[in-house]
Amino acid sequence: MKITIISWKDERWSADKETLSGINEMIKKKSKPIKVKWKKTWEPTSLIDKCAIGFGWLIISPFVLSEVIIQGFIWLAKKIKRK
């Protein structure tokens, strides 16, 4: 018979308020806020970009809306036929 035992040592660290405040200040000095680079590239910044996106939505939305309505009617017809 083979028995395997896994254990670990529970070490808890404690510090007073002065030490904790010192550690927090060191962390704040060293760490900088994370800047997301990809977000800036995907945001439409100029008026031309915003107009192009709006125009694209105006062109595409009727097709999407009609497809949703058609699929809704098909689903409703199937539900009615079952009953």
C-alpha atoms as a PDB file:
ATOM      1  CA  MET A   1       0.000   0.000   0.000  1.00  0.00           C
ATOM      2  CA  LYS A   2       1.317   3.418  -0.964  1.00  0.00           C
ATOM      3  CA  ILE A   3       0.330   6.466   1.089  1.00  0.00           C
ATOM      4  CA  THR A   4       1.092  10.009  -0.002  1.00  0.00           C
ATOM      5  CA  ILE A   5       0.837  12.884   2.441  1.00  0.00           C
ATOM      6  CA  ILE A   6       0.808  16.478   1.264  1.00  0.00           C
ATOM      7  CA  SER A   7       1.194  19.210   3.841  1.00  0.00           C
ATOM      8  CA  TRP A   8       2.269  22.795   4.031  1.00  0.00           C
ATOM      9  CA  LYS A   9       3.464  25.177   6.671  1.00  0.00           C
ATOM     10  CA  ASP A  10       1.037  27.937   7.525  1.00  0.00           C
ATOM     11  CA  GLU A  11       3.107  31.088   7.865  1.00  0.00           C
ATOM     12  CA  ARG A  12       1.296  34.272   8.663  1.00  0.00           C
ATOM     13  CA  TRP A  13       3.066  37.571   8.685  1.00  0.00           C
ATOM     14  CA  SER A  14       1.967  40.485  10.762  1.00  0.00           C
ATOM     15  CA  ALA A  15       3.057  44.089  10.947  1.00  0.00           C
ATOM     16  CA  ASP A  16       2.075  47.190  12.818  1.00  0.00           C
ATOM     17  CA  LYS A  17       0.245  50.113  11.198  1.00  0.00           C
ATOM     18  CA  GLU A  18       3.408  52.166  10.689  1.00  0.00           C
ATOM     19  CA  THR A  19       5.140  49.359   8.806  1.00  0.00           C
ATOM     20  CA  LEU A  20       2.055  48.715   6.682  1.00  0.00           C
ATOM     21  CA  SER A  21       1.754  52.381   5.761  1.00  0.00           C
ATOM     22  CA  GLY A  22       5.446  52.405   4.811  1.00  0.00           C
ATOM     23  CA  ILE A  23       4.979  49.337   2.617  1.00  0.00           C
ATOM     24  CA  ASN A  24       1.909  50.868   0.960  1.00  0.00           C
ATOM     25  CA  GLU A  25       3.825  54.084   0.198  1.00  0.00           C
ATOM     26  CA  MET A  26       6.665  52.083  -1.386  1.00  0.00           C
ATOM     27  CA  ILE A  27       4.174  50.168  -3.537  1.00  0.00           C
ATOM     28  CA  LYS A  28       2.468  53.391  -4.650  1.00  0.00           C
ATOM     29  CA  LYS A  29       5.802  54.957  -5.618  1.00  0.00           C
ATOM     30  CA  LYS A  30       6.965  51.932  -7.611  1.00  0.00           C
ATOM     31  CA  SER A  31       3.766  50.981  -9.367  1.00  0.00           C
ATOM     32  CA  LYS A  32       2.345  53.056 -12.170  1.00  0.00           C
ATOM     33  CA  PRO A  33      -1.241  52.758 -13.398  1.00  0.00           C
ATOM     34  CA  ILE A  34      -1.645  50.311 -16.257  1.00  0.00           C
ATOM     35  CA  LYS A  35      -2.336  52.028 -19.565  1.00  0.00           C
ATOM     36  CA  VAL A  36      -4.290  50.105 -22.158  1.00  0.00           C
ATOM     37  CA  LYS A  37      -2.804  50.750 -25.580  1.00  0.00           C
ATOM     38  CA  TRP A  38      -5.319  48.870 -27.728  1.00  0.00           C
ATOM     39  CA  LYS A  39      -8.242  50.917 -26.457  1.00  0.00           C
ATOM     40  CA  LYS A  40      -6.850  54.105 -27.960  1.00  0.00           C
ATOM     41  CA  THR A  41      -6.370  52.551 -31.382  1.00  0.00           C
ATOM     42  CA  TRP A  42      -9.954  51.264 -31.592  1.00  0.00           C
ATOM     43  CA  GLU A  43     -11.696  54.428 -30.440  1.00  0.00           C
ATOM     44  CA  PRO A  44     -12.975  56.641 -33.245  1.00  0.00           C
ATOM     45  CA  THR A  45     -11.278  59.932 -32.617  1.00  0.00           C
ATOM     46  CA  SER A  46     -12.048  62.121 -35.584  1.00  0.00           C
ATOM     47  CA  LEU A  47     -15.416  63.291 -36.823  1.00  0.00           C
ATOM     48  CA  ILE A  48     -14.914  61.408 -40.091  1.00  0.00           C
ATOM     49  CA  ASP A  49     -14.460  58.123 -38.211  1.00  0.00           C
ATOM     50  CA  LYS A  50     -17.614  58.692 -36.172  1.00  0.00           C
ATOM     51  CA  CYS A  51     -19.615  59.586 -39.294  1.00  0.00           C
ATOM     52  CA  ALA A  52     -18.343  56.497 -41.110  1.00  0.00           C
ATOM     53  CA  ILE A  53     -19.373  54.244 -38.222  1.00  0.00           C
ATOM     54  CA  GLY A  54     -22.807  55.876 -38.021  1.00  0.00           C
ATOM     55  CA  PHE A  55     -23.313  55.575 -41.773  1.00  0.00           C
ATOM     56  CA  GLY A  56     -22.287  51.908 -41.644  1.00  0.00           C
ATOM     57  CA  TRP A  57     -24.838  51.231 -38.916  1.00  0.00           C
ATOM     58  CA  LEU A  58     -27.542  52.963 -40.942  1.00  0.00           C
ATOM     59  CA  ILE A  59     -26.765  50.783 -43.933  1.00  0.00           C
ATOM     60  CA  ILE A  60     -26.447  47.459 -42.091  1.00  0.00           C
ATOM     61  CA  SER A  61     -29.160  47.810 -39.417  1.00  0.00           C
ATOM     62  CA  PRO A  62     -32.203  47.298 -41.715  1.00  0.00           C
ATOM     63  CA  PHE A  63     -30.817  43.963 -42.908  1.00  0.00           C
ATOM     64  CA  VAL A  64     -30.091  42.813 -39.374  1.00  0.00           C
ATOM     65  CA  LEU A  65     -33.493  43.983 -38.153  1.00  0.00           C
ATOM     66  CA  SER A  66     -35.334  42.262 -41.000  1.00  0.00           C
ATOM     67  CA  GLU A  67     -33.450  39.029 -40.336  1.00  0.00           C
ATOM     68  CA  VAL A  68     -34.376  39.157 -36.640  1.00  0.00           C
ATOM     69  CA  ILE A  69     -38.040  39.787 -37.474  1.00  0.00           C
ATOM     70  CA  ILE A  70     -38.145  36.935 -39.997  1.00  0.00           C
ATOM     71  CA  GLN A  71     -36.516  34.517 -37.559  1.00  0.00           C
ATOM     72  CA  GLY A  72     -38.972  35.637 -34.874  1.00  0.00           C
ATOM     73  CA  PHE A  73     -41.958  34.901 -37.114  1.00  0.00           C
ATOM     74  CA  ILE A  74     -40.544  31.489 -38.049  1.00  0.00           C
ATOM     75  CA  TRP A  75     -40.037  30.664 -34.356  1.00  0.00           C
ATOM     76  CA  LEU A  76     -43.561  31.855 -33.519  1.00  0.00           C
ATOM     77  CA  ALA A  77     -45.067  29.781 -36.356  1.00  0.00           C
ATOM     78  CA  LYS A  78     -43.262  26.663 -35.064  1.00  0.00           C
ATOM     79  CA  LYS A  79     -44.614  27.301 -31.544  1.00  0.00           C
ATOM     80  CA  ILE A  80     -48.168  27.718 -32.851  1.00  0.00           C
ATOM     81  CA  LYS A  81     -47.967  24.538 -34.984  1.00  0.00           C
ATOM     82  CA  ARG A  82     -46.855  22.486 -31.959  1.00  0.00           C
ATOM     83  CA  LYS A  83     -49.995  23.389 -30.007  1.00  0.00           C
END
